[in-house]
N, C-alpha and C. Protein backbone atom coordinates (compact mmCIF):
# COMPACT_ATOMS: atom_id res chain seq x y z
N MET A 1 -28.80 6.66 -39.30
CA MET A 1 -27.45 6.17 -39.34
C MET A 1 -27.09 5.88 -40.79
N ASN A 2 -25.93 6.32 -41.18
CA ASN A 2 -25.47 6.16 -42.55
C ASN A 2 -24.60 4.92 -42.64
N LEU A 3 -25.03 3.91 -43.42
CA LEU A 3 -24.27 2.67 -43.52
C LEU A 3 -23.17 2.76 -44.58
N VAL A 4 -23.26 3.71 -45.48
CA VAL A 4 -22.26 3.87 -46.54
C VAL A 4 -21.17 4.79 -46.01
N ALA A 5 -19.91 4.38 -46.14
CA ALA A 5 -18.79 5.19 -45.66
C ALA A 5 -18.58 6.38 -46.59
N CYS A 6 -18.23 7.50 -45.99
CA CYS A 6 -17.99 8.72 -46.74
C CYS A 6 -16.64 8.64 -47.45
N SER A 7 -16.57 9.10 -48.68
CA SER A 7 -15.33 9.02 -49.45
C SER A 7 -14.28 10.02 -48.94
N PHE A 8 -14.71 11.07 -48.26
CA PHE A 8 -13.78 12.08 -47.75
C PHE A 8 -13.29 11.78 -46.33
N ARG A 9 -13.79 10.72 -45.74
CA ARG A 9 -13.51 10.43 -44.32
C ARG A 9 -12.02 10.28 -44.04
N GLN A 10 -11.29 9.50 -44.82
CA GLN A 10 -9.86 9.30 -44.59
C GLN A 10 -9.07 10.60 -44.78
N GLU A 11 -9.44 11.38 -45.79
CA GLU A 11 -8.77 12.66 -46.03
C GLU A 11 -9.02 13.62 -44.87
N LEU A 12 -10.26 13.61 -44.36
CA LEU A 12 -10.61 14.47 -43.23
C LEU A 12 -9.86 14.03 -41.97
N LYS A 13 -9.77 12.73 -41.73
CA LYS A 13 -9.01 12.23 -40.57
C LYS A 13 -7.55 12.65 -40.64
N ALA A 14 -6.95 12.55 -41.82
CA ALA A 14 -5.54 12.94 -41.98
C ALA A 14 -5.37 14.43 -41.73
N ALA A 15 -6.29 15.26 -42.20
CA ALA A 15 -6.20 16.71 -41.99
C ALA A 15 -6.37 17.06 -40.51
N LEU A 16 -7.29 16.38 -39.84
CA LEU A 16 -7.49 16.63 -38.41
C LEU A 16 -6.29 16.19 -37.59
N LYS A 17 -5.73 15.04 -37.96
CA LYS A 17 -4.58 14.52 -37.21
C LYS A 17 -3.36 15.41 -37.38
N ALA A 18 -3.17 15.93 -38.57
CA ALA A 18 -2.02 16.79 -38.84
C ALA A 18 -2.22 18.21 -38.32
N GLY A 19 -3.46 18.55 -37.95
CA GLY A 19 -3.73 19.89 -37.44
C GLY A 19 -3.98 20.90 -38.56
N HIS A 20 -4.32 20.43 -39.74
CA HIS A 20 -4.52 21.31 -40.89
C HIS A 20 -5.96 21.79 -41.00
N TRP A 21 -6.86 21.30 -40.18
CA TRP A 21 -8.26 21.69 -40.27
C TRP A 21 -8.50 22.98 -39.54
N PRO A 22 -9.23 23.91 -40.01
CA PRO A 22 -9.84 24.11 -41.32
C PRO A 22 -9.01 24.99 -42.24
N ALA A 23 -7.98 25.67 -41.69
CA ALA A 23 -7.28 26.70 -42.47
C ALA A 23 -6.42 26.13 -43.60
N ALA A 24 -5.75 25.02 -43.37
CA ALA A 24 -4.77 24.54 -44.35
C ALA A 24 -5.26 23.34 -45.16
N CYS A 25 -6.55 23.16 -45.29
CA CYS A 25 -7.05 22.02 -46.05
C CYS A 25 -7.76 22.49 -47.32
N ASP A 26 -8.06 21.55 -48.17
CA ASP A 26 -8.69 21.83 -49.46
C ASP A 26 -10.08 22.45 -49.25
N PRO A 27 -10.44 23.48 -50.03
CA PRO A 27 -11.77 24.10 -49.88
C PRO A 27 -12.92 23.14 -50.18
N THR A 28 -12.69 22.15 -51.05
CA THR A 28 -13.76 21.19 -51.33
C THR A 28 -14.04 20.33 -50.11
N LEU A 29 -13.01 20.05 -49.30
CA LEU A 29 -13.19 19.28 -48.07
C LEU A 29 -14.03 20.07 -47.06
N ARG A 30 -13.78 21.37 -46.97
CA ARG A 30 -14.57 22.22 -46.06
C ARG A 30 -16.03 22.28 -46.52
N THR A 31 -16.24 22.37 -47.81
CA THR A 31 -17.60 22.40 -48.35
C THR A 31 -18.31 21.08 -48.07
N HIS A 32 -17.57 19.98 -48.22
CA HIS A 32 -18.15 18.66 -47.98
C HIS A 32 -18.55 18.50 -46.50
N VAL A 33 -17.71 18.98 -45.59
CA VAL A 33 -17.99 18.84 -44.16
C VAL A 33 -19.26 19.58 -43.77
N THR A 34 -19.52 20.71 -44.37
CA THR A 34 -20.76 21.45 -44.07
C THR A 34 -21.99 20.68 -44.53
N ALA A 35 -21.85 19.83 -45.56
CA ALA A 35 -23.00 19.09 -46.08
C ALA A 35 -23.14 17.70 -45.47
N CYS A 36 -22.03 17.07 -45.02
CA CYS A 36 -22.06 15.67 -44.55
C CYS A 36 -22.16 15.63 -43.02
N ASP A 37 -23.20 14.97 -42.51
CA ASP A 37 -23.40 14.89 -41.05
C ASP A 37 -22.31 14.07 -40.37
N ALA A 38 -21.91 12.96 -40.97
CA ALA A 38 -20.90 12.09 -40.36
C ALA A 38 -19.56 12.81 -40.26
N CYS A 39 -19.17 13.53 -41.29
CA CYS A 39 -17.89 14.26 -41.25
C CYS A 39 -17.96 15.43 -40.28
N ARG A 40 -19.12 16.09 -40.22
CA ARG A 40 -19.29 17.20 -39.28
C ARG A 40 -19.18 16.68 -37.83
N ASP A 41 -19.77 15.53 -37.56
CA ASP A 41 -19.65 14.92 -36.22
C ASP A 41 -18.21 14.54 -35.91
N LEU A 42 -17.52 14.02 -36.91
CA LEU A 42 -16.10 13.65 -36.72
C LEU A 42 -15.27 14.87 -36.36
N VAL A 43 -15.50 15.98 -37.07
CA VAL A 43 -14.76 17.22 -36.78
C VAL A 43 -15.11 17.71 -35.37
N LEU A 44 -16.38 17.69 -35.02
CA LEU A 44 -16.81 18.16 -33.69
C LEU A 44 -16.17 17.32 -32.58
N LEU A 45 -16.23 16.01 -32.70
CA LEU A 45 -15.64 15.13 -31.68
C LEU A 45 -14.13 15.31 -31.59
N THR A 46 -13.47 15.34 -32.73
CA THR A 46 -12.01 15.47 -32.73
C THR A 46 -11.57 16.78 -32.09
N GLN A 47 -12.24 17.88 -32.45
CA GLN A 47 -11.86 19.17 -31.88
C GLN A 47 -12.18 19.23 -30.38
N THR A 48 -13.29 18.62 -29.96
CA THR A 48 -13.64 18.61 -28.54
C THR A 48 -12.61 17.82 -27.74
N PHE A 49 -12.23 16.66 -28.25
CA PHE A 49 -11.21 15.87 -27.56
C PHE A 49 -9.86 16.57 -27.54
N LYS A 50 -9.54 17.29 -28.62
CA LYS A 50 -8.27 18.00 -28.68
C LYS A 50 -8.22 19.13 -27.64
N VAL A 51 -9.34 19.85 -27.51
CA VAL A 51 -9.40 20.93 -26.50
C VAL A 51 -9.33 20.34 -25.09
N ALA A 52 -10.05 19.25 -24.85
CA ALA A 52 -10.03 18.62 -23.52
C ALA A 52 -8.64 18.10 -23.19
N ARG A 53 -7.96 17.54 -24.17
CA ARG A 53 -6.59 17.05 -23.93
C ARG A 53 -5.65 18.21 -23.60
N GLY A 54 -5.79 19.32 -24.33
CA GLY A 54 -4.96 20.49 -24.05
C GLY A 54 -5.18 21.03 -22.64
N GLU A 55 -6.46 21.10 -22.23
CA GLU A 55 -6.76 21.58 -20.87
C GLU A 55 -6.20 20.64 -19.81
N THR A 56 -6.30 19.35 -20.06
CA THR A 56 -5.79 18.36 -19.11
C THR A 56 -4.27 18.45 -19.01
N MET A 57 -3.62 18.62 -20.15
CA MET A 57 -2.15 18.72 -20.14
C MET A 57 -1.68 19.97 -19.40
N GLN A 58 -2.43 21.07 -19.53
CA GLN A 58 -2.06 22.28 -18.81
C GLN A 58 -2.31 22.14 -17.31
N ALA A 59 -3.37 21.41 -16.97
CA ALA A 59 -3.71 21.25 -15.55
C ALA A 59 -2.75 20.29 -14.84
N ALA A 60 -2.20 19.35 -15.58
CA ALA A 60 -1.28 18.38 -14.97
C ALA A 60 0.04 19.07 -14.66
N ARG A 61 0.44 18.96 -13.44
CA ARG A 61 1.70 19.57 -13.02
C ARG A 61 2.74 18.46 -12.88
N VAL A 62 3.82 18.63 -13.57
CA VAL A 62 4.90 17.68 -13.48
C VAL A 62 5.88 18.19 -12.43
N ALA A 63 6.18 17.34 -11.49
CA ALA A 63 7.10 17.74 -10.43
C ALA A 63 8.52 17.82 -10.97
N SER A 64 9.32 18.61 -10.31
CA SER A 64 10.71 18.74 -10.74
C SER A 64 11.47 17.44 -10.46
N PRO A 65 12.54 17.20 -11.20
CA PRO A 65 13.30 15.96 -10.99
C PRO A 65 13.83 15.82 -9.57
N SER A 66 14.21 16.93 -8.96
CA SER A 66 14.73 16.83 -7.59
C SER A 66 13.64 16.40 -6.61
N THR A 67 12.41 16.86 -6.83
CA THR A 67 11.31 16.44 -5.98
C THR A 67 11.01 14.96 -6.16
N LEU A 68 11.02 14.50 -7.41
CA LEU A 68 10.80 13.08 -7.67
C LEU A 68 11.89 12.23 -7.03
N TRP A 69 13.15 12.69 -7.12
CA TRP A 69 14.26 11.95 -6.51
C TRP A 69 14.10 11.91 -4.99
N TRP A 70 13.72 13.04 -4.40
CA TRP A 70 13.54 13.12 -2.96
C TRP A 70 12.44 12.17 -2.50
N ARG A 71 11.32 12.13 -3.23
CA ARG A 71 10.23 11.22 -2.87
C ARG A 71 10.66 9.76 -3.00
N ALA A 72 11.42 9.46 -4.03
CA ALA A 72 11.91 8.08 -4.20
C ALA A 72 12.83 7.70 -3.05
N GLN A 73 13.67 8.61 -2.60
CA GLN A 73 14.55 8.34 -1.47
C GLN A 73 13.75 8.11 -0.19
N LEU A 74 12.69 8.90 0.01
CA LEU A 74 11.84 8.70 1.19
C LEU A 74 11.15 7.34 1.16
N ARG A 75 10.66 6.95 -0.01
CA ARG A 75 10.02 5.63 -0.13
C ARG A 75 11.02 4.52 0.15
N ARG A 76 12.22 4.65 -0.39
CA ARG A 76 13.25 3.64 -0.19
C ARG A 76 13.63 3.55 1.29
N ARG A 77 13.78 4.69 1.94
CA ARG A 77 14.14 4.72 3.35
C ARG A 77 13.02 4.14 4.22
N SER A 78 11.78 4.47 3.89
CA SER A 78 10.64 3.93 4.65
C SER A 78 10.56 2.42 4.51
N ALA A 79 10.79 1.92 3.30
CA ALA A 79 10.77 0.47 3.09
C ALA A 79 11.88 -0.22 3.86
N ALA A 80 13.06 0.40 3.91
CA ALA A 80 14.18 -0.18 4.66
C ALA A 80 13.89 -0.19 6.16
N ILE A 81 13.32 0.87 6.67
CA ILE A 81 12.99 0.94 8.10
C ILE A 81 11.94 -0.11 8.44
N GLU A 82 10.94 -0.26 7.58
CA GLU A 82 9.91 -1.26 7.83
C GLU A 82 10.49 -2.67 7.80
N ARG A 83 11.40 -2.93 6.85
CA ARG A 83 12.02 -4.25 6.75
C ARG A 83 12.89 -4.54 7.97
N ILE A 84 13.59 -3.54 8.47
CA ILE A 84 14.47 -3.73 9.62
C ILE A 84 13.66 -3.91 10.91
N SER A 85 12.56 -3.17 11.05
CA SER A 85 11.80 -3.23 12.29
C SER A 85 10.86 -4.43 12.37
N GLN A 86 10.70 -5.17 11.30
CA GLN A 86 9.79 -6.31 11.31
C GLN A 86 10.20 -7.40 12.31
N PRO A 87 11.47 -7.83 12.39
CA PRO A 87 11.83 -8.84 13.39
C PRO A 87 11.61 -8.36 14.83
N THR A 88 11.87 -7.09 15.09
CA THR A 88 11.65 -6.55 16.43
C THR A 88 10.17 -6.58 16.77
N SER A 89 9.34 -6.25 15.81
CA SER A 89 7.90 -6.28 16.03
C SER A 89 7.42 -7.70 16.31
N ILE A 90 7.94 -8.65 15.56
CA ILE A 90 7.57 -10.05 15.77
C ILE A 90 8.02 -10.52 17.16
N ALA A 91 9.25 -10.15 17.53
CA ALA A 91 9.77 -10.56 18.83
C ALA A 91 8.97 -9.93 19.96
N THR A 92 8.55 -8.69 19.80
CA THR A 92 7.74 -8.03 20.83
C THR A 92 6.40 -8.75 20.99
N LYS A 93 5.78 -9.10 19.88
CA LYS A 93 4.50 -9.82 19.96
C LYS A 93 4.68 -11.20 20.58
N LEU A 94 5.77 -11.86 20.23
CA LEU A 94 6.05 -13.17 20.80
C LEU A 94 6.28 -13.08 22.31
N ALA A 95 7.02 -12.07 22.74
CA ALA A 95 7.26 -11.88 24.17
C ALA A 95 5.96 -11.58 24.92
N PHE A 96 5.10 -10.77 24.32
CA PHE A 96 3.83 -10.45 24.95
C PHE A 96 2.96 -11.70 25.09
N VAL A 97 2.89 -12.50 24.04
CA VAL A 97 2.07 -13.70 24.08
C VAL A 97 2.61 -14.70 25.09
N SER A 98 3.93 -14.89 25.12
CA SER A 98 4.49 -15.85 26.07
C SER A 98 4.31 -15.39 27.51
N THR A 99 4.46 -14.11 27.77
CA THR A 99 4.24 -13.58 29.11
C THR A 99 2.78 -13.74 29.52
N LEU A 100 1.89 -13.46 28.59
CA LEU A 100 0.47 -13.62 28.86
C LEU A 100 0.13 -15.09 29.15
N LEU A 101 0.71 -16.00 28.39
CA LEU A 101 0.46 -17.42 28.63
C LEU A 101 0.96 -17.87 29.99
N VAL A 102 2.14 -17.40 30.38
CA VAL A 102 2.68 -17.76 31.69
C VAL A 102 1.81 -17.17 32.78
N ALA A 103 1.41 -15.90 32.59
CA ALA A 103 0.60 -15.25 33.62
C ALA A 103 -0.76 -15.92 33.78
N LEU A 104 -1.31 -16.42 32.69
CA LEU A 104 -2.63 -17.06 32.77
C LEU A 104 -2.56 -18.54 33.13
N SER A 105 -1.48 -19.20 32.79
CA SER A 105 -1.41 -20.64 33.03
C SER A 105 -1.20 -20.97 34.51
N TYR A 106 -0.45 -20.18 35.21
CA TYR A 106 -0.17 -20.49 36.61
C TYR A 106 -1.43 -20.44 37.47
N PRO A 107 -2.24 -19.39 37.37
CA PRO A 107 -3.48 -19.40 38.18
C PRO A 107 -4.43 -20.53 37.77
N VAL A 108 -4.48 -20.87 36.49
CA VAL A 108 -5.36 -21.95 36.06
C VAL A 108 -4.89 -23.27 36.65
N LEU A 109 -3.59 -23.51 36.61
CA LEU A 109 -3.06 -24.74 37.20
C LEU A 109 -3.28 -24.77 38.71
N ALA A 110 -3.10 -23.64 39.34
CA ALA A 110 -3.31 -23.58 40.78
C ALA A 110 -4.80 -23.77 41.11
N TRP A 111 -5.66 -23.24 40.29
CA TRP A 111 -7.09 -23.39 40.53
C TRP A 111 -7.52 -24.84 40.35
N GLN A 112 -6.91 -25.55 39.41
CA GLN A 112 -7.24 -26.95 39.20
C GLN A 112 -6.77 -27.81 40.38
N GLN A 113 -5.69 -27.42 41.01
CA GLN A 113 -5.20 -28.19 42.17
C GLN A 113 -6.16 -28.07 43.35
N ARG A 114 -6.66 -26.88 43.56
CA ARG A 114 -7.52 -26.67 44.73
C ARG A 114 -8.60 -25.68 44.37
N GLY A 115 -9.84 -26.01 44.54
CA GLY A 115 -10.96 -25.15 44.19
C GLY A 115 -11.19 -24.03 45.18
N ASP A 116 -10.67 -24.12 46.36
CA ASP A 116 -10.90 -23.12 47.40
C ASP A 116 -10.09 -21.86 47.08
N TRP A 117 -10.70 -20.66 47.20
CA TRP A 117 -10.04 -19.41 46.87
C TRP A 117 -8.82 -19.15 47.75
N LEU A 118 -8.94 -19.36 49.00
CA LEU A 118 -7.80 -19.13 49.88
C LEU A 118 -6.69 -20.13 49.61
N ARG A 119 -7.07 -21.34 49.30
CA ARG A 119 -6.05 -22.33 48.96
C ARG A 119 -5.34 -21.93 47.66
N TRP A 120 -6.12 -21.39 46.72
CA TRP A 120 -5.52 -20.96 45.46
C TRP A 120 -4.54 -19.82 45.70
N LEU A 121 -4.93 -18.89 46.55
CA LEU A 121 -4.06 -17.76 46.88
C LEU A 121 -2.81 -18.26 47.60
N GLU A 122 -3.02 -19.20 48.51
CA GLU A 122 -1.87 -19.79 49.22
C GLU A 122 -0.97 -20.53 48.25
N THR A 123 -1.57 -21.27 47.31
CA THR A 123 -0.78 -22.00 46.31
C THR A 123 -0.01 -21.03 45.41
N PHE A 124 -0.63 -19.91 45.13
CA PHE A 124 0.01 -18.91 44.27
C PHE A 124 1.17 -18.22 44.98
N LEU A 125 1.00 -17.90 46.24
CA LEU A 125 2.01 -17.15 46.97
C LEU A 125 3.08 -18.04 47.60
N LYS A 126 2.79 -19.29 47.81
CA LYS A 126 3.74 -20.19 48.47
C LYS A 126 5.07 -20.31 47.71
N PRO A 127 5.09 -20.58 46.39
CA PRO A 127 6.39 -20.67 45.72
C PRO A 127 7.14 -19.35 45.72
N VAL A 128 6.41 -18.27 45.70
CA VAL A 128 7.07 -16.97 45.69
C VAL A 128 7.74 -16.71 47.03
N ALA A 129 7.05 -16.99 48.10
CA ALA A 129 7.59 -16.71 49.43
C ALA A 129 8.62 -17.74 49.85
N ALA A 130 8.40 -18.99 49.52
CA ALA A 130 9.25 -20.06 50.04
C ALA A 130 10.54 -20.21 49.25
N ASP A 131 10.43 -20.57 48.01
CA ASP A 131 11.67 -20.91 47.29
C ASP A 131 11.91 -20.05 46.05
N TRP A 132 11.21 -19.00 45.87
CA TRP A 132 11.40 -18.05 44.78
C TRP A 132 11.26 -18.71 43.40
N GLY A 133 10.44 -19.72 43.28
CA GLY A 133 10.29 -20.45 42.02
C GLY A 133 9.71 -19.58 40.91
N LEU A 134 8.63 -18.88 41.23
CA LEU A 134 8.00 -18.04 40.23
C LEU A 134 8.87 -16.83 39.90
N MET A 135 9.57 -16.33 40.92
CA MET A 135 10.42 -15.16 40.71
C MET A 135 11.60 -15.48 39.79
N LEU A 136 11.99 -16.73 39.73
CA LEU A 136 13.05 -17.11 38.81
C LEU A 136 12.51 -17.58 37.47
N LEU A 137 11.31 -18.13 37.47
CA LEU A 137 10.73 -18.66 36.24
C LEU A 137 10.38 -17.55 35.25
N VAL A 138 9.75 -16.49 35.70
CA VAL A 138 9.33 -15.41 34.81
C VAL A 138 10.52 -14.70 34.17
N PRO A 139 11.55 -14.31 34.92
CA PRO A 139 12.71 -13.69 34.26
C PRO A 139 13.43 -14.66 33.31
N ALA A 140 13.44 -15.95 33.66
CA ALA A 140 14.08 -16.91 32.77
C ALA A 140 13.35 -16.99 31.44
N ILE A 141 12.02 -17.03 31.49
CA ILE A 141 11.25 -17.05 30.25
C ILE A 141 11.42 -15.74 29.48
N GLY A 142 11.43 -14.63 30.18
CA GLY A 142 11.66 -13.34 29.54
C GLY A 142 13.02 -13.26 28.87
N THR A 143 14.05 -13.79 29.55
CA THR A 143 15.39 -13.79 28.98
C THR A 143 15.45 -14.66 27.73
N LEU A 144 14.84 -15.83 27.79
CA LEU A 144 14.80 -16.69 26.60
C LEU A 144 14.05 -16.03 25.45
N THR A 145 12.99 -15.33 25.75
CA THR A 145 12.24 -14.62 24.72
C THR A 145 13.08 -13.52 24.09
N LEU A 146 13.77 -12.75 24.90
CA LEU A 146 14.62 -11.69 24.37
C LEU A 146 15.77 -12.24 23.55
N LEU A 147 16.37 -13.34 24.00
CA LEU A 147 17.45 -13.96 23.22
C LEU A 147 16.92 -14.49 21.88
N GLY A 148 15.72 -15.05 21.92
CA GLY A 148 15.11 -15.51 20.66
C GLY A 148 14.84 -14.35 19.72
N ALA A 149 14.37 -13.23 20.27
CA ALA A 149 14.13 -12.04 19.45
C ALA A 149 15.42 -11.50 18.86
N LEU A 150 16.48 -11.51 19.65
CA LEU A 150 17.78 -11.07 19.16
C LEU A 150 18.28 -11.99 18.04
N ALA A 151 18.09 -13.29 18.21
CA ALA A 151 18.50 -14.24 17.17
C ALA A 151 17.70 -14.01 15.89
N LEU A 152 16.40 -13.77 16.01
CA LEU A 152 15.59 -13.47 14.82
C LEU A 152 16.04 -12.19 14.14
N TYR A 153 16.35 -11.17 14.94
CA TYR A 153 16.80 -9.90 14.39
C TYR A 153 18.11 -10.07 13.63
N LEU A 154 19.05 -10.77 14.22
CA LEU A 154 20.35 -10.97 13.57
C LEU A 154 20.22 -11.83 12.31
N ALA A 155 19.35 -12.83 12.36
CA ALA A 155 19.15 -13.68 11.18
C ALA A 155 18.50 -12.89 10.05
N ALA A 156 17.55 -12.02 10.37
CA ALA A 156 16.89 -11.22 9.34
C ALA A 156 17.82 -10.16 8.79
N GLU A 157 18.74 -9.67 9.60
CA GLU A 157 19.67 -8.65 9.17
C GLU A 157 20.66 -9.20 8.13
N ARG A 158 21.05 -10.45 8.26
CA ARG A 158 22.01 -11.05 7.34
C ARG A 158 21.39 -11.39 6.01
N SER A 159 20.10 -11.67 5.98
CA SER A 159 19.47 -12.06 4.71
C SER A 159 18.97 -10.89 3.93
């Protein structure tokens, strides 16, 4: 490793950066590069990186402006659809959970009242057959859930 800096290093860097190496530079600089290991390595690395950059730039395909505009419009439209459908998705999940809770809570309550299976079945079917209590309760909860979902949708639409 050479700890002393080469006196031609800055001149060589300027020639490489400007693209003057090797044809348009001083002949003494070319002679020096053949003798100096550090400058020869600098030339090798710079030219290798320059070739790699050129190959990469040729391989990179830039899309046309109309394609970029079209993709941006698709992203914007997708984001708008996702934003609009979010309240509906929340309301659907809320309706599913509330229906599931009602469906599971009634048999549990009936089972706690009477441990006997036939009594539980009788307890479950009695309100349905006699006074239509369950038949009115489930649609009422469903209606309230749908109205709540509609309110959420309208509130999200305004903001």
